[in-house]
Amino acid sequence: MTRRPKIKDIAERLGVSPATVSRALADTGLVAEPTLTRIREAASALNYRPNVSARNLRTRRSMAVLLVVRDIGNPFYLDVVKGVEAAARAAGYAVLMGNAENDPERETEYFDMLRDGHADGMILMTGSLPSTPDFRRRLSPDLPVVVALEMIEGVGFPHVQIDNEAAARQAVEHLVGLGHRRIAHVCGPVPEEMSVRRRQGYRQAMRAAGLPILEGYEQRGDYLLQSGRDACRRLLALPEPPTAIFLANDEMAFGAIHELRRMGRDVPGDMSVVGFDDLYLSEAFFPPLTTVAQPRAEIGKRAMGMLLDMLSGAPAPREPAILPTTLKVRGTTAAPKIS
């Protein structure tokens, strides 16, 4: 087997010192042209690849970051992962995926990996933290952790997020503008902060329009398709069913539409439906789903950029980075048959 090229081989080939080659390949800015270009060309010709283990021993860094999500099977995370990975790769970092599955023991293990040096930082997208006394006692706001898209109050970690209240308010205002007066909401897992904020946006829009929230019009879901079906079934069983439903994510909206079809109801003829997230399937769904679009890839890039700044010694931002959302009006909303 051919021996792996070393820095010494490049140095001997060019007649320079190994230290000069090391500085050039590390892009320190200390090696001038044309030597810098000659070294890079020689490294490419020899198919030189740095010894990551040796570099990590010198820097005491793993050159890896953890991206922890609540459910790795949810297509919602795909664009976020792409954004994180693009920014990480450009900086020489690998991305390790963590699947929390709402399991406090798993989340604790991922934080232990961070403390033990298996990763240099973490991007957290779980919406909550383990509540065990031992975990809370060891939790420090100085850990290099960035919360993306989700909202975790009271821990001191920097956030990259959207204005969930304003986005939800805009979704409900769209339904009000179409003439709907009986508007229900299926929220996410309260008391998670993101679910609470979207529910607040719904309530604010209803209050501003002078519309009552009838008993049973607020249903609790868990962001999964089945909970959308179940909530829709309960709403249709009410003495005065709604004419429109705003659901806190697209997956629950898909479930609601499936249930409406099963019961012989037309969307949007009999019921208007609005989701939240703008998954890649939302536009391909029939009818195409009206939903709130989040810039997920950009949020991933911003979160990774914020984490890189922290790993370089910059202080963690005190205020969250808030990115804009867009209401995508498509085929699941229309004026009600009755006012």
Protein backbone atom coordinates (compact mmCIF):
# COMPACT_ATOMS: atom_id res chain seq x y z
CA MET A 1 0.00 0.00 0.00
CA THR A 2 1.32 3.44 -0.92
CA ARG A 3 2.59 5.45 2.03
CA ARG A 4 0.45 8.46 2.97
CA PRO A 5 2.21 11.72 1.99
CA LYS A 6 3.46 13.86 4.86
CA ILE A 7 4.33 17.51 5.28
CA LYS A 8 8.00 16.48 5.20
CA ASP A 9 7.54 15.08 1.66
CA ILE A 10 6.17 18.40 0.40
CA ALA A 11 9.01 20.29 2.10
CA GLU A 12 11.70 18.06 0.55
CA ARG A 13 10.10 18.35 -2.88
CA LEU A 14 10.16 22.15 -2.78
CA GLY A 15 13.30 22.71 -0.70
CA VAL A 16 11.51 24.56 2.09
CA SER A 17 11.14 23.82 5.80
CA PRO A 18 8.32 21.63 7.13
CA ALA A 19 7.27 24.59 9.31
CA THR A 20 6.73 26.72 6.20
CA VAL A 21 4.59 23.99 4.61
CA SER A 22 2.55 23.63 7.81
CA ARG A 23 1.90 27.38 8.01
CA ALA A 24 0.92 27.53 4.33
CA LEU A 25 -1.54 24.64 4.54
CA ALA A 26 -3.06 26.07 7.71
CA ASP A 27 -3.71 29.31 5.80
CA THR A 28 -2.10 31.40 8.54
CA GLY A 29 -1.30 34.30 6.23
CA LEU A 30 2.39 34.04 7.17
CA VAL A 31 3.57 32.50 3.89
CA ALA A 32 3.92 34.87 0.92
CA GLU A 33 3.52 34.25 -2.78
CA PRO A 34 4.79 32.53 -4.86
CA THR A 35 5.79 30.04 -2.14
CA LEU A 36 2.19 29.71 -0.93
CA THR A 37 0.91 28.68 -4.37
CA ARG A 38 3.84 26.30 -4.94
CA ILE A 39 3.11 24.53 -1.65
CA ARG A 40 -0.59 24.19 -2.38
CA GLU A 41 0.10 22.84 -5.87
CA ALA A 42 2.63 20.33 -4.54
CA ALA A 43 0.18 19.20 -1.84
CA SER A 44 -2.47 18.64 -4.51
CA ALA A 45 -0.06 16.77 -6.78
CA LEU A 46 0.97 14.44 -3.95
CA ASN A 47 -2.68 13.99 -2.88
CA TYR A 48 -1.77 15.23 0.58
CA ARG A 49 -4.50 15.08 3.23
CA PRO A 50 -3.96 16.47 6.73
CA ASN A 51 -3.80 14.07 9.64
CA VAL A 52 -6.92 15.15 11.48
CA SER A 53 -6.15 13.19 14.63
CA ALA A 54 -2.73 14.82 14.98
CA ARG A 55 -4.19 18.26 14.34
CA ASN A 56 -6.89 17.71 16.94
CA LEU A 57 -4.29 16.67 19.51
CA ARG A 58 -2.42 19.92 18.89
CA THR A 59 -5.47 22.18 18.97
CA ARG A 60 -7.41 20.18 21.57
CA ARG A 61 -10.42 20.45 19.31
CA SER A 62 -12.51 17.74 17.71
CA MET A 63 -13.41 19.90 14.68
CA ALA A 64 -16.95 18.52 14.95
CA VAL A 65 -20.24 20.04 16.06
CA LEU A 66 -23.40 18.33 17.26
CA LEU A 67 -26.74 19.08 15.61
CA VAL A 68 -29.44 17.71 17.91
CA VAL A 69 -33.03 17.54 16.64
CA ARG A 70 -36.20 16.22 18.23
CA ASP A 71 -36.98 13.73 15.42
CA ILE A 72 -34.49 12.98 12.66
CA GLY A 73 -37.25 11.42 10.54
CA ASN A 74 -39.10 14.74 10.23
CA PRO A 75 -38.47 16.29 6.76
CA PHE A 76 -38.73 19.70 8.40
CA TYR A 77 -35.05 19.47 9.39
CA LEU A 78 -33.62 18.73 5.93
CA ASP A 79 -33.04 22.34 4.87
CA VAL A 80 -31.72 23.28 8.31
CA VAL A 81 -29.17 20.45 8.13
CA LYS A 82 -28.11 21.61 4.66
CA GLY A 83 -27.55 25.15 5.95
CA VAL A 84 -25.59 24.00 9.01
CA GLU A 85 -23.48 21.55 6.99
CA ALA A 86 -22.61 24.13 4.31
CA ALA A 87 -21.36 26.64 6.88
CA ALA A 88 -19.58 23.97 8.95
CA ARG A 89 -17.81 22.44 5.98
CA ALA A 90 -16.56 25.81 4.79
CA ALA A 91 -14.95 26.25 8.21
CA GLY A 92 -13.45 22.75 8.29
CA TYR A 93 -15.96 21.23 10.71
CA ALA A 94 -17.87 17.97 10.50
CA VAL A 95 -21.51 17.76 11.64
CA LEU A 96 -22.62 14.94 13.95
CA MET A 97 -26.38 14.31 14.02
CA GLY A 98 -28.20 13.65 17.28
CA ASN A 99 -31.76 12.30 17.41
CA ALA A 100 -33.31 13.22 20.77
CA GLU A 101 -36.77 11.69 20.21
CA ASN A 102 -38.02 13.64 23.25
CA ASP A 103 -35.92 11.35 25.45
CA PRO A 104 -34.26 13.21 28.37
CA GLU A 105 -31.60 10.49 28.71
CA ARG A 106 -30.54 10.92 25.08
CA GLU A 107 -30.39 14.70 25.43
CA THR A 108 -28.25 14.33 28.55
CA GLU A 109 -25.88 12.03 26.63
CA TYR A 110 -25.45 14.61 23.87
CA PHE A 111 -24.55 17.30 26.41
CA ASP A 112 -22.09 14.86 27.99
CA MET A 113 -20.49 14.37 24.56
CA LEU A 114 -20.04 18.12 24.35
CA ARG A 115 -18.54 18.39 27.85
CA ASP A 116 -16.22 15.41 27.19
CA GLY A 117 -14.79 17.02 24.05
CA HIS A 118 -16.32 14.72 21.44
CA ALA A 119 -17.70 17.89 19.83
CA ASP A 120 -16.65 21.52 20.09
CA GLY A 121 -20.17 22.97 20.07
CA MET A 122 -23.83 22.17 19.68
CA ILE A 123 -26.79 23.45 17.68
CA LEU A 124 -29.91 22.47 19.59
CA MET A 125 -33.35 22.05 18.02
CA THR A 126 -35.38 20.17 20.63
CA GLY A 127 -37.59 22.83 22.20
CA SER A 128 -36.86 21.73 25.77
CA LEU A 129 -34.14 20.43 28.09
CA PRO A 130 -34.13 17.57 30.59
CA SER A 131 -35.60 18.70 33.90
CA THR A 132 -33.65 16.32 36.15
CA PRO A 133 -31.87 18.08 39.04
CA ASP A 134 -28.49 16.60 38.04
CA PHE A 135 -28.75 17.92 34.48
CA ARG A 136 -29.87 21.37 35.59
CA ARG A 137 -27.12 21.57 38.19
CA ARG A 138 -24.44 20.91 35.57
CA LEU A 139 -26.00 23.13 32.90
CA SER A 140 -23.97 26.27 32.22
CA PRO A 141 -24.79 29.21 29.91
CA ASP A 142 -21.06 29.24 29.02
CA LEU A 143 -21.40 26.01 27.03
CA PRO A 144 -20.96 26.63 23.27
CA VAL A 145 -24.62 25.95 22.41
CA VAL A 146 -26.87 27.77 19.94
CA VAL A 147 -30.62 27.14 19.88
CA ALA A 148 -32.03 27.20 16.34
CA LEU A 149 -35.69 27.66 15.37
CA GLU A 150 -36.90 26.37 18.73
CA MET A 151 -37.17 28.54 21.84
CA ILE A 152 -35.79 27.55 25.24
CA GLU A 153 -36.25 30.23 27.88
CA GLY A 154 -34.14 30.77 30.97
CA VAL A 155 -30.93 28.96 29.98
CA GLY A 156 -28.90 31.84 28.56
CA PHE A 157 -28.08 30.20 25.23
CA PRO A 158 -28.15 32.41 22.11
CA HIS A 159 -31.02 31.83 19.67
CA VAL A 160 -31.60 32.01 15.93
CA GLN A 161 -35.33 32.04 15.37
CA ILE A 162 -38.40 33.63 13.80
CA ASP A 163 -41.11 35.80 15.34
CA ASN A 164 -43.57 32.99 16.01
CA GLU A 165 -46.29 35.27 17.37
CA ALA A 166 -46.23 37.61 14.39
CA ALA A 167 -46.15 34.72 11.89
CA ALA A 168 -49.13 33.00 13.53
CA ARG A 169 -50.99 36.29 13.72
CA GLN A 170 -50.49 36.83 9.98
CA ALA A 171 -51.82 33.34 9.21
CA VAL A 172 -55.01 33.95 11.20
CA GLU A 173 -55.44 37.45 9.77
CA HIS A 174 -55.45 35.85 6.30
CA LEU A 175 -58.40 33.67 7.35
CA VAL A 176 -60.20 36.64 8.90
CA GLY A 177 -59.66 38.60 5.69
CA LEU A 178 -61.38 35.81 3.74
CA GLY A 179 -64.44 36.23 5.93
CA HIS A 180 -63.99 33.40 8.44
CA ARG A 181 -65.40 34.01 11.91
CA ARG A 182 -65.19 30.54 13.42
CA ILE A 183 -61.46 29.81 13.40
CA ALA A 184 -59.88 27.01 15.43
CA HIS A 185 -56.25 26.37 16.32
CA VAL A 186 -54.29 23.15 16.82
CA CYS A 187 -51.18 24.05 18.80
CA GLY A 188 -47.95 22.16 19.35
CA PRO A 189 -46.84 20.57 22.62
CA VAL A 190 -47.56 23.24 25.24
CA PRO A 191 -45.77 24.39 27.45
CA GLU A 192 -42.90 24.44 24.94
CA GLU A 193 -42.22 28.09 24.24
CA MET A 194 -42.59 27.93 20.45
CA SER A 195 -46.02 26.31 20.76
CA VAL A 196 -47.07 28.90 23.32
CA ARG A 197 -45.95 31.79 21.09
CA ARG A 198 -47.86 30.51 18.05
CA ARG A 199 -50.96 30.06 20.17
CA GLN A 200 -50.54 33.60 21.46
CA GLY A 201 -50.38 34.87 17.87
CA TYR A 202 -53.66 33.08 17.13
CA ARG A 203 -55.31 34.59 20.20
CA GLN A 204 -54.02 38.07 19.39
CA ALA A 205 -55.43 37.94 15.85
CA MET A 206 -58.80 36.69 17.07
CA ARG A 207 -58.96 39.36 19.75
CA ALA A 208 -57.97 42.12 17.30
CA ALA A 209 -60.74 41.00 14.93
CA GLY A 210 -63.30 40.96 17.75
CA LEU A 211 -63.87 37.22 17.29
CA PRO A 212 -64.62 34.83 20.16
CA ILE A 213 -62.65 31.64 20.68
CA LEU A 214 -65.42 29.15 21.29
CA GLU A 215 -65.07 26.28 23.71
CA GLY A 216 -63.08 23.47 22.12
CA TYR A 217 -61.60 25.67 19.38
CA GLU A 218 -58.11 25.33 20.87
CA GLN A 219 -56.85 21.78 20.47
CA ARG A 220 -53.49 20.44 21.58
CA GLY A 221 -51.26 18.47 19.19
CA ASP A 222 -47.69 17.20 19.15
CA TYR A 223 -46.52 18.23 15.64
CA LEU A 224 -47.21 14.71 14.30
CA LEU A 225 -49.67 13.82 11.54
CA GLN A 226 -51.92 11.66 13.70
CA SER A 227 -52.48 14.44 16.21
CA GLY A 228 -53.72 16.64 13.34
CA ARG A 229 -56.22 13.96 12.37
CA ASP A 230 -57.38 13.49 15.95
CA ALA A 231 -57.75 17.22 16.60
CA CYS A 232 -59.69 17.70 13.37
CA ARG A 233 -62.09 14.92 14.32
CA ARG A 234 -62.74 16.57 17.68
CA LEU A 235 -63.32 19.96 16.06
CA LEU A 236 -65.85 18.55 13.60
CA ALA A 237 -67.75 16.93 16.50
CA LEU A 238 -68.36 20.29 18.20
CA PRO A 239 -71.91 21.70 18.27
CA GLU A 240 -70.67 24.63 16.18
CA PRO A 241 -67.68 23.41 14.12
CA PRO A 242 -65.17 25.93 12.77
CA THR A 243 -64.98 26.93 9.11
CA ALA A 244 -61.19 27.26 9.24
CA ILE A 245 -58.30 25.68 11.16
CA PHE A 246 -54.83 27.10 11.76
CA LEU A 247 -52.41 24.31 12.70
CA ALA A 248 -49.01 24.93 14.27
CA ASN A 249 -47.10 22.90 11.65
CA ASP A 250 -47.56 21.40 8.20
CA GLU A 251 -47.48 17.76 9.29
CA MET A 252 -50.53 18.26 11.53
CA ALA A 253 -52.19 20.19 8.68
CA PHE A 254 -51.67 17.19 6.38
CA GLY A 255 -53.31 15.00 9.02
CA ALA A 256 -56.27 17.36 9.31
CA ILE A 257 -56.81 17.40 5.55
CA HIS A 258 -56.65 13.60 5.41
CA GLU A 259 -59.33 13.43 8.10
CA LEU A 260 -61.52 16.01 6.35
CA ARG A 261 -61.37 13.97 3.14
CA ARG A 262 -62.15 10.76 5.01
CA MET A 263 -65.28 12.44 6.38
CA GLY A 264 -66.31 13.69 2.96
CA ARG A 265 -65.44 17.34 3.54
CA ASP A 266 -63.97 19.52 0.82
CA VAL A 267 -60.86 21.66 1.31
CA PRO A 268 -61.18 24.60 1.01
CA GLY A 269 -64.91 24.45 0.12
CA ASP A 270 -66.09 23.16 3.50
CA MET A 271 -63.00 23.97 5.58
CA SER A 272 -59.98 26.22 5.08
CA VAL A 273 -56.68 24.94 6.44
CA VAL A 274 -53.43 26.83 7.16
CA GLY A 275 -50.18 25.16 8.24
CA PHE A 276 -46.78 26.36 9.41
CA ASP A 277 -43.27 25.52 8.07
CA ASP A 278 -43.67 25.19 4.27
CA LEU A 279 -42.26 21.68 3.98
CA TYR A 280 -41.13 20.66 0.51
CA LEU A 281 -44.28 18.52 0.22
CA SER A 282 -46.61 21.42 1.00
CA GLU A 283 -46.61 22.79 -2.53
CA ALA A 284 -46.92 19.30 -4.05
CA PHE A 285 -49.85 18.40 -1.76
CA PHE A 286 -53.36 18.59 -3.27
CA PRO A 287 -54.63 21.12 -2.90
CA PRO A 288 -51.34 22.95 -2.28
CA LEU A 289 -51.13 23.96 1.37
CA THR A 290 -51.39 27.56 2.50
CA THR A 291 -48.65 27.86 5.10
CA VAL A 292 -46.06 30.04 6.83
CA ALA A 293 -42.62 29.61 5.23
CA GLN A 294 -39.52 29.73 7.40
CA PRO A 295 -36.03 30.34 5.93
CA ARG A 296 -34.76 27.06 7.34
CA ALA A 297 -31.52 26.82 5.37
CA GLU A 298 -30.60 30.39 6.27
CA ILE A 299 -31.41 29.73 9.92
CA GLY A 300 -29.04 26.74 9.80
CA LYS A 301 -26.28 28.87 8.28
CA ARG A 302 -26.80 31.68 10.81
CA ALA A 303 -26.80 29.27 13.75
CA MET A 304 -23.56 27.66 12.59
CA GLY A 305 -22.01 31.07 11.97
CA MET A 306 -22.97 32.17 15.47
CA LEU A 307 -21.47 28.99 16.92
CA LEU A 308 -18.22 29.50 14.98
CA ASP A 309 -17.96 33.03 16.36
CA MET A 310 -18.37 31.69 19.89
CA LEU A 311 -15.72 29.01 19.29
CA SER A 312 -13.38 31.76 18.12
CA GLY A 313 -13.77 33.56 21.45
CA ALA A 314 -16.54 36.05 20.63
CA PRO A 315 -19.11 36.59 23.39
CA ALA A 316 -22.49 34.92 22.91
CA PRO A 317 -25.10 37.36 21.57
CA ARG A 318 -27.55 38.52 24.21
CA GLU A 319 -30.39 39.14 21.78
CA PRO A 320 -31.81 36.47 19.45
CA ALA A 321 -31.26 36.70 15.71
CA ILE A 322 -34.77 36.89 14.23
CA LEU A 323 -35.27 36.01 10.57
CA PRO A 324 -38.35 36.89 8.49
CA THR A 325 -41.20 34.55 7.52
CA THR A 326 -43.54 34.60 4.52
CA LEU A 327 -47.18 33.54 4.28
CA LYS A 328 -47.55 31.33 1.18
CA VAL A 329 -51.20 31.56 0.09
CA ARG A 330 -52.09 28.48 -1.94
CA GLY A 331 -55.07 26.22 -2.47
CA THR A 332 -56.32 25.22 1.00
CA THR A 333 -57.92 28.55 1.95
CA ALA A 334 -60.99 30.30 0.54
CA ALA A 335 -63.97 32.32 1.71
CA PRO A 336 -66.39 30.35 3.90
CA LYS A 337 -69.73 29.12 2.59
CA ILE A 338 -71.41 30.73 5.58
CA SER A 339 -70.41 33.78 7.59
